[in-house]
Amino acid sequence: LHQQIENNHAEIRKLRRVIKLVNKSFSAGYFKLLFYK
């Protein structure tokens, strides 16, 4: 059970990292759209 919890935490950390990257690239793309109209 403890191992399962550890695995879940690792998965959540991975997801958070991915979400951060997606947010960064999305923000960059959004600003480009705003500025280069």
PDB file of N, CA and C in Angstrom:
ATOM      1  N   LEU A   1       0.848  -1.208   0.000  1.00  0.00           N
ATOM      2  CA  LEU A   1       0.000   0.000   0.000  1.00  0.00           C
ATOM      3  C   LEU A   1       0.881   1.256   0.000  1.00  0.00           C
ATOM      4  N   HIS A   2       1.905   1.255   0.854  1.00  0.00           N
ATOM      5  CA  HIS A   2       2.807   2.412   0.901  1.00  0.00           C
ATOM      6  C   HIS A   2       3.456   2.637  -0.456  1.00  0.00           C
ATOM      7  N   GLN A   3       3.839   1.547  -1.109  1.00  0.00           N
ATOM      8  CA  GLN A   3       4.462   1.660  -2.434  1.00  0.00           C
ATOM      9  C   GLN A   3       3.494   2.307  -3.419  1.00  0.00           C
ATOM     10  N   GLN A   4       2.225   1.940  -3.312  1.00  0.00           N
ATOM     11  CA  GLN A   4       1.212   2.510  -4.200  1.00  0.00           C
ATOM     12  C   GLN A   4       1.125   4.019  -4.006  1.00  0.00           C
ATOM     13  N   ILE A   5       1.162   4.449  -2.757  1.00  0.00           N
ATOM     14  CA  ILE A   5       1.092   5.885  -2.460  1.00  0.00           C
ATOM     15  C   ILE A   5       2.297   6.599  -3.051  1.00  0.00           C
ATOM     16  N   GLU A   6       3.482   6.005  -2.896  1.00  0.00           N
ATOM     17  CA  GLU A   6       4.697   6.601  -3.468  1.00  0.00           C
ATOM     18  C   GLU A   6       4.549   6.739  -4.975  1.00  0.00           C
ATOM     19  N   ASN A   7       4.033   5.706  -5.618  1.00  0.00           N
ATOM     20  CA  ASN A   7       3.851   5.741  -7.070  1.00  0.00           C
ATOM     21  C   ASN A   7       2.901   6.864  -7.460  1.00  0.00           C
ATOM     22  N   ASN A   8       1.828   7.015  -6.695  1.00  0.00           N
ATOM     23  CA  ASN A   8       0.862   8.069  -6.995  1.00  0.00           C
ATOM     24  C   ASN A   8       1.513   9.441  -6.899  1.00  0.00           C
ATOM     25  N   HIS A   9       2.343   9.637  -5.877  1.00  0.00           N
ATOM     26  CA  HIS A   9       3.016  10.926  -5.726  1.00  0.00           C
ATOM     27  C   HIS A   9       3.931  11.190  -6.912  1.00  0.00           C
ATOM     28  N   ALA A  10       4.637  10.158  -7.366  1.00  0.00           N
ATOM     29  CA  ALA A  10       5.536  10.322  -8.515  1.00  0.00           C
ATOM     30  C   ALA A  10       4.730  10.707  -9.747  1.00  0.00           C
ATOM     31  N   GLU A  11       3.587  10.050  -9.942  1.00  0.00           N
ATOM     32  CA  GLU A  11       2.738  10.354 -11.097  1.00  0.00           C
ATOM     33  C   GLU A  11       2.252  11.798 -11.032  1.00  0.00           C
ATOM     34  N   ILE A  12       1.836  12.224  -9.850  1.00  0.00           N
ATOM     35  CA  ILE A  12       1.319  13.588  -9.681  1.00  0.00           C
ATOM     36  C   ILE A  12       2.412  14.604  -9.983  1.00  0.00           C
ATOM     37  N   ARG A  13       3.648  14.308  -9.523  1.00  0.00           N
ATOM     38  CA  ARG A  13       4.756  15.227  -9.808  1.00  0.00           C
ATOM     39  C   ARG A  13       4.988  15.323 -11.303  1.00  0.00           C
ATOM     40  N   LYS A  14       4.934  14.170 -11.990  1.00  0.00           N
ATOM     41  CA  LYS A  14       5.120  14.168 -13.455  1.00  0.00           C
ATOM     42  C   LYS A  14       4.042  15.021 -14.116  1.00  0.00           C
ATOM     43  N   LEU A  15       2.799  14.813 -13.690  1.00  0.00           N
ATOM     44  CA  LEU A  15       1.684  15.558 -14.279  1.00  0.00           C
ATOM     45  C   LEU A  15       1.853  17.050 -14.055  1.00  0.00           C
ATOM     46  N   ARG A  16       2.276  17.415 -12.836  1.00  0.00           N
ATOM     47  CA  ARG A  16       2.457  18.840 -12.541  1.00  0.00           C
ATOM     48  C   ARG A  16       3.505  19.444 -13.449  1.00  0.00           C
ATOM     49  N   ARG A  17       4.607  18.682 -13.670  1.00  0.00           N
ATOM     50  CA  ARG A  17       5.675  19.189 -14.529  1.00  0.00           C
ATOM     51  C   ARG A  17       5.149  19.392 -15.943  1.00  0.00           C
ATOM     52  N   VAL A  18       4.400  18.422 -16.435  1.00  0.00           N
ATOM     53  CA  VAL A  18       3.848  18.516 -17.789  1.00  0.00           C
ATOM     54  C   VAL A  18       2.903  19.706 -17.892  1.00  0.00           C
ATOM     55  N   ILE A  19       2.049  19.867 -16.879  1.00  0.00           N
ATOM     56  CA  ILE A  19       1.082  20.968 -16.899  1.00  0.00           C
ATOM     57  C   ILE A  19       1.799  22.308 -16.909  1.00  0.00           C
ATOM     58  N   LYS A  20       2.894  22.409 -16.125  1.00  0.00           N
ATOM     59  CA  LYS A  20       3.665  23.656 -16.113  1.00  0.00           C
ATOM     60  C   LYS A  20       4.208  23.953 -17.499  1.00  0.00           C
ATOM     61  N   LEU A  21       4.768  22.923 -18.147  1.00  0.00           N
ATOM     62  CA  LEU A  21       5.331  23.121 -19.489  1.00  0.00           C
ATOM     63  C   LEU A  21       4.243  23.538 -20.463  1.00  0.00           C
ATOM     64  N   VAL A  22       3.091  22.880 -20.378  1.00  0.00           N
ATOM     65  CA  VAL A  22       1.991  23.195 -21.287  1.00  0.00           C
ATOM     66  C   VAL A  22       1.525  24.630 -21.059  1.00  0.00           C
ATOM     67  N   ASN A  23       1.417  25.016 -19.787  1.00  0.00           N
ATOM     68  CA  ASN A  23       1.001  26.385 -19.475  1.00  0.00           C
ATOM     69  C   ASN A  23       1.984  27.387 -20.047  1.00  0.00           C
ATOM     70  N   LYS A  24       3.286  27.087 -19.901  1.00  0.00           N
ATOM     71  CA  LYS A  24       4.310  28.000 -20.419  1.00  0.00           C
ATOM     72  C   LYS A  24       4.176  28.152 -21.922  1.00  0.00           C
ATOM     73  N   SER A  25       4.111  27.033 -22.631  1.00  0.00           N
ATOM     74  CA  SER A  25       4.051  27.107 -24.093  1.00  0.00           C
ATOM     75  C   SER A  25       2.733  27.723 -24.539  1.00  0.00           C
ATOM     76  N   PHE A  26       1.651  27.427 -23.818  1.00  0.00           N
ATOM     77  CA  PHE A  26       0.360  28.003 -24.172  1.00  0.00           C
ATOM     78  C   PHE A  26       0.391  29.515 -23.985  1.00  0.00           C
ATOM     79  N   SER A  27       0.957  29.967 -22.868  1.00  0.00           N
ATOM     80  CA  SER A  27       1.055  31.407 -22.604  1.00  0.00           C
ATOM     81  C   SER A  27       1.885  32.075 -23.684  1.00  0.00           C
ATOM     82  N   ALA A  28       3.014  31.467 -24.038  1.00  0.00           N
ATOM     83  CA  ALA A  28       3.884  32.035 -25.067  1.00  0.00           C
ATOM     84  C   ALA A  28       3.119  32.143 -26.386  1.00  0.00           C
ATOM     85  N   GLY A  29       2.411  31.088 -26.765  1.00  0.00           N
ATOM     86  CA  GLY A  29       1.648  31.101 -28.004  1.00  0.00           C
ATOM     87  C   GLY A  29       0.541  32.133 -27.959  1.00  0.00           C
ATOM     88  N   TYR A  30      -0.086  32.269 -26.796  1.00  0.00           N
ATOM     89  CA  TYR A  30      -1.185  33.221 -26.652  1.00  0.00           C
ATOM     90  C   TYR A  30      -0.675  34.647 -26.811  1.00  0.00           C
ATOM     91  N   PHE A  31       0.465  34.944 -26.180  1.00  0.00           N
ATOM     92  CA  PHE A  31       1.030  36.291 -26.296  1.00  0.00           C
ATOM     93  C   PHE A  31       1.452  36.576 -27.725  1.00  0.00           C
ATOM     94  N   LYS A  32       1.977  35.561 -28.408  1.00  0.00           N
ATOM     95  CA  LYS A  32       2.354  35.753 -29.812  1.00  0.00           C
ATOM     96  C   LYS A  32       1.116  36.125 -30.622  1.00  0.00           C
ATOM     97  N   LEU A  33       0.021  35.425 -30.365  1.00  0.00           N
ATOM     98  CA  LEU A  33      -1.218  35.745 -31.084  1.00  0.00           C
ATOM     99  C   LEU A  33      -1.635  37.181 -30.811  1.00  0.00           C
ATOM    100  N   LEU A  34      -1.536  37.593 -29.559  1.00  0.00           N
ATOM    101  CA  LEU A  34      -1.938  38.956 -29.201  1.00  0.00           C
ATOM    102  C   LEU A  34      -1.067  39.991 -29.895  1.00  0.00           C
ATOM    103  N   PHE A  35       0.251  39.747 -29.889  1.00  0.00           N
ATOM    104  CA  PHE A  35       1.172  40.767 -30.378  1.00  0.00           C
ATOM    105  C   PHE A  35       1.311  40.787 -31.892  1.00  0.00           C
ATOM    106  N   TYR A  36       1.101  39.626 -32.534  1.00  0.00           N
ATOM    107  CA  TYR A  36       1.376  39.576 -33.973  1.00  0.00           C
ATOM    108  C   TYR A  36       0.116  39.597 -34.815  1.00  0.00           C
ATOM    109  N   LYS A  37      -0.951  40.162 -34.288  1.00  0.00           N
ATOM    110  CA  LYS A  37      -2.174  40.258 -35.088  1.00  0.00           C
ATOM    111  C   LYS A  37      -1.992  41.291 -36.188  1.00  0.00           C
TER     112      LYS A  37
END
